[in-house]
């Protein structure tokens, strides 16, 4: 699993960083209940033992659980951002009207 980020995603990460000064930000790919394997950006997140660092996006560490690492093994995963003023969720970009999405390289 190789991680890349688009310039738009990196810009949104910078915007989130401005709203969370000093917070440790992490991207997490999990097999969660709500949005499947969508990338989530969290401030002050407590990683689980199964979440392993798989790369960096926008100077933020990217972590994935075992299921996601197996799913994307040998593939390039590109983190991108889309404007979505109606988005709902727990990821840190949502209040800013954005949503991180996955593209494949």
C-alpha atoms as a PDB file:
ATOM      1  CA  UNK A   1       0.000   0.000   0.000  1.00  0.00           C
ATOM      2  CA  UNK A   2       1.535   3.261  -1.148  1.00  0.00           C
ATOM      3  CA  UNK A   3       0.064   6.635  -0.142  1.00  0.00           C
ATOM      4  CA  UNK A   4      -0.045   9.812  -2.216  1.00  0.00           C
ATOM      5  CA  UNK A   5      -2.004  13.037  -1.715  1.00  0.00           C
ATOM      6  CA  UNK A   6      -3.300  15.546  -4.222  1.00  0.00           C
ATOM      7  CA  UNK A   7      -2.446  19.237  -3.855  1.00  0.00           C
ATOM      8  CA  UNK A   8      -6.118  19.860  -2.962  1.00  0.00           C
ATOM      9  CA  UNK A   9      -5.940  17.312  -0.131  1.00  0.00           C
ATOM     10  CA  UNK A  10      -2.729  18.878   1.152  1.00  0.00           C
ATOM     11  CA  UNK A  11      -4.412  22.297   1.078  1.00  0.00           C
ATOM     12  CA  UNK A  12      -7.373  20.998   3.100  1.00  0.00           C
ATOM     13  CA  UNK A  13      -4.982  19.405   5.622  1.00  0.00           C
ATOM     14  CA  UNK A  14      -3.331  22.834   6.029  1.00  0.00           C
ATOM     15  CA  UNK A  15      -6.761  24.413   6.626  1.00  0.00           C
ATOM     16  CA  UNK A  16      -7.572  21.791   9.252  1.00  0.00           C
ATOM     17  CA  UNK A  17      -4.191  22.366  10.907  1.00  0.00           C
ATOM     18  CA  UNK A  18      -5.070  26.077  11.233  1.00  0.00           C
ATOM     19  CA  UNK A  19      -8.273  25.180  13.099  1.00  0.00           C
ATOM     20  CA  UNK A  20      -6.452  22.722  15.407  1.00  0.00           C
ATOM     21  CA  UNK A  21      -3.199  24.507  16.327  1.00  0.00           C
ATOM     22  CA  UNK A  22      -0.742  22.242  18.096  1.00  0.00           C
ATOM     23  CA  UNK A  23      -2.898  19.114  17.722  1.00  0.00           C
ATOM     24  CA  UNK A  24      -1.389  15.849  16.518  1.00  0.00           C
ATOM     25  CA  UNK A  25      -3.202  15.049  13.275  1.00  0.00           C
ATOM     26  CA  UNK A  26      -3.429  11.545  11.821  1.00  0.00           C
ATOM     27  CA  UNK A  27      -5.157  10.024   8.822  1.00  0.00           C
ATOM     28  CA  UNK A  28      -6.799   6.698   9.606  1.00  0.00           C
ATOM     29  CA  UNK A  29      -8.025   4.098   7.116  1.00  0.00           C
ATOM     30  CA  UNK A  30     -10.165   1.584   8.932  1.00  0.00           C
ATOM     31  CA  UNK A  31     -12.994  -0.787   8.325  1.00  0.00           C
ATOM     32  CA  UNK A  32     -15.361   1.367  10.345  1.00  0.00           C
ATOM     33  CA  UNK A  33     -19.105   1.094  10.388  1.00  0.00           C
ATOM     34  CA  UNK A  34     -20.155   4.337   8.734  1.00  0.00           C
ATOM     35  CA  UNK A  35     -17.969   5.159   5.773  1.00  0.00           C
ATOM     36  CA  UNK A  36     -16.107   1.941   5.114  1.00  0.00           C
ATOM     37  CA  UNK A  37     -12.505   2.524   4.130  1.00  0.00           C
ATOM     38  CA  UNK A  38     -12.758   6.302   3.594  1.00  0.00           C
ATOM     39  CA  UNK A  39      -9.768   8.225   4.958  1.00  0.00           C
ATOM     40  CA  UNK A  40     -10.497  10.117   8.159  1.00  0.00           C
ATOM     41  CA  UNK A  41      -8.400  12.929   9.554  1.00  0.00           C
ATOM     42  CA  UNK A  42      -8.411  13.130  13.332  1.00  0.00           C
ATOM     43  CA  UNK A  43      -6.879  15.488  15.870  1.00  0.00           C
ATOM     44  CA  UNK A  44      -5.587  13.787  19.007  1.00  0.00           C
ATOM     45  CA  UNK A  45      -6.639  10.289  17.932  1.00  0.00           C
ATOM     46  CA  UNK A  46      -5.581   7.250  19.964  1.00  0.00           C
ATOM     47  CA  UNK A  47      -4.321   4.632  17.501  1.00  0.00           C
ATOM     48  CA  UNK A  48      -5.043   0.944  18.074  1.00  0.00           C
ATOM     49  CA  UNK A  49      -2.324  -1.737  17.985  1.00  0.00           C
ATOM     50  CA  UNK A  50      -3.633  -2.937  14.584  1.00  0.00           C
ATOM     51  CA  UNK A  51      -3.201   0.480  12.943  1.00  0.00           C
ATOM     52  CA  UNK A  52       0.187   0.650  11.231  1.00  0.00           C
ATOM     53  CA  UNK A  53       1.774   3.658   9.545  1.00  0.00           C
ATOM     54  CA  UNK A  54       1.581   3.190   5.772  1.00  0.00           C
ATOM     55  CA  UNK A  55       2.665   6.634   4.594  1.00  0.00           C
ATOM     56  CA  UNK A  56       2.301  10.385   4.832  1.00  0.00           C
ATOM     57  CA  UNK A  57      -0.165  12.821   3.286  1.00  0.00           C
ATOM     58  CA  UNK A  58       0.108  16.579   3.706  1.00  0.00           C
ATOM     59  CA  UNK A  59       2.834  16.038   6.338  1.00  0.00           C
ATOM     60  CA  UNK A  60       0.388  13.917   8.376  1.00  0.00           C
ATOM     61  CA  UNK A  61       1.016  10.252   9.171  1.00  0.00           C
ATOM     62  CA  UNK A  62      -1.382   7.809   7.487  1.00  0.00           C
ATOM     63  CA  UNK A  63      -2.333   4.664   9.414  1.00  0.00           C
ATOM     64  CA  UNK A  64      -4.325   1.643   8.271  1.00  0.00           C
ATOM     65  CA  UNK A  65      -5.716  -1.402   9.985  1.00  0.00           C
ATOM     66  CA  UNK A  66      -4.960  -4.943   8.798  1.00  0.00           C
ATOM     67  CA  UNK A  67      -8.098  -5.279   6.684  1.00  0.00           C
ATOM     68  CA  UNK A  68      -7.315  -2.116   4.735  1.00  0.00           C
ATOM     69  CA  UNK A  69      -3.643  -3.024   4.314  1.00  0.00           C
ATOM     70  CA  UNK A  70      -4.666  -6.357   2.790  1.00  0.00           C
ATOM     71  CA  UNK A  71      -7.337  -4.707   0.608  1.00  0.00           C
ATOM     72  CA  UNK A  72      -4.888  -2.186  -0.887  1.00  0.00           C
ATOM     73  CA  UNK A  73      -1.744  -4.352  -0.852  1.00  0.00           C
ATOM     74  CA  UNK A  74       0.470  -3.480  -3.813  1.00  0.00           C
ATOM     75  CA  UNK A  75      -1.719  -0.525  -4.845  1.00  0.00           C
ATOM     76  CA  UNK A  76      -1.255   3.224  -4.780  1.00  0.00           C
ATOM     77  CA  UNK A  77      -3.954   4.993  -2.791  1.00  0.00           C
ATOM     78  CA  UNK A  78      -4.363   8.700  -3.481  1.00  0.00           C
ATOM     79  CA  UNK A  79      -6.018  10.872  -0.835  1.00  0.00           C
ATOM     80  CA  UNK A  80      -7.990  13.661  -2.472  1.00  0.00           C
ATOM     81  CA  UNK A  81     -10.508  16.222  -1.190  1.00  0.00           C
ATOM     82  CA  UNK A  82     -13.886  17.294  -2.533  1.00  0.00           C
ATOM     83  CA  UNK A  83     -15.986  20.260  -1.501  1.00  0.00           C
ATOM     84  CA  UNK A  84     -19.049  18.877   0.277  1.00  0.00           C
ATOM     85  CA  UNK A  85     -20.926  21.454   2.362  1.00  0.00           C
ATOM     86  CA  UNK A  86     -23.547  18.854   3.328  1.00  0.00           C
ATOM     87  CA  UNK A  87     -21.041  16.229   4.490  1.00  0.00           C
ATOM     88  CA  UNK A  88     -21.578  14.602   7.848  1.00  0.00           C
ATOM     89  CA  UNK A  89     -19.063  12.600   9.808  1.00  0.00           C
ATOM     90  CA  UNK A  90     -16.272  12.614  12.349  1.00  0.00           C
ATOM     91  CA  UNK A  91     -13.337  13.565  10.134  1.00  0.00           C
ATOM     92  CA  UNK A  92     -11.744  16.941  10.945  1.00  0.00           C
ATOM     93  CA  UNK A  93     -12.326  18.475   7.483  1.00  0.00           C
ATOM     94  CA  UNK A  94     -16.124  18.050   7.617  1.00  0.00           C
ATOM     95  CA  UNK A  95     -16.833  21.291   9.568  1.00  0.00           C
ATOM     96  CA  UNK A  96     -14.885  23.174   6.877  1.00  0.00           C
ATOM     97  CA  UNK A  97     -17.159  21.884   4.098  1.00  0.00           C
ATOM     98  CA  UNK A  98     -14.777  19.263   2.693  1.00  0.00           C
ATOM     99  CA  UNK A  99     -14.554  15.479   2.541  1.00  0.00           C
ATOM    100  CA  UNK A 100     -11.456  13.364   1.955  1.00  0.00           C
ATOM    101  CA  UNK A 101     -11.904  10.652  -0.661  1.00  0.00           C
ATOM    102  CA  UNK A 102      -9.798   7.872  -2.163  1.00  0.00           C
ATOM    103  CA  UNK A 103      -8.558   7.733  -5.735  1.00  0.00           C
ATOM    104  CA  UNK A 104      -6.390   5.010  -7.165  1.00  0.00           C
ATOM    105  CA  UNK A 105      -3.105   5.742  -8.897  1.00  0.00           C
END
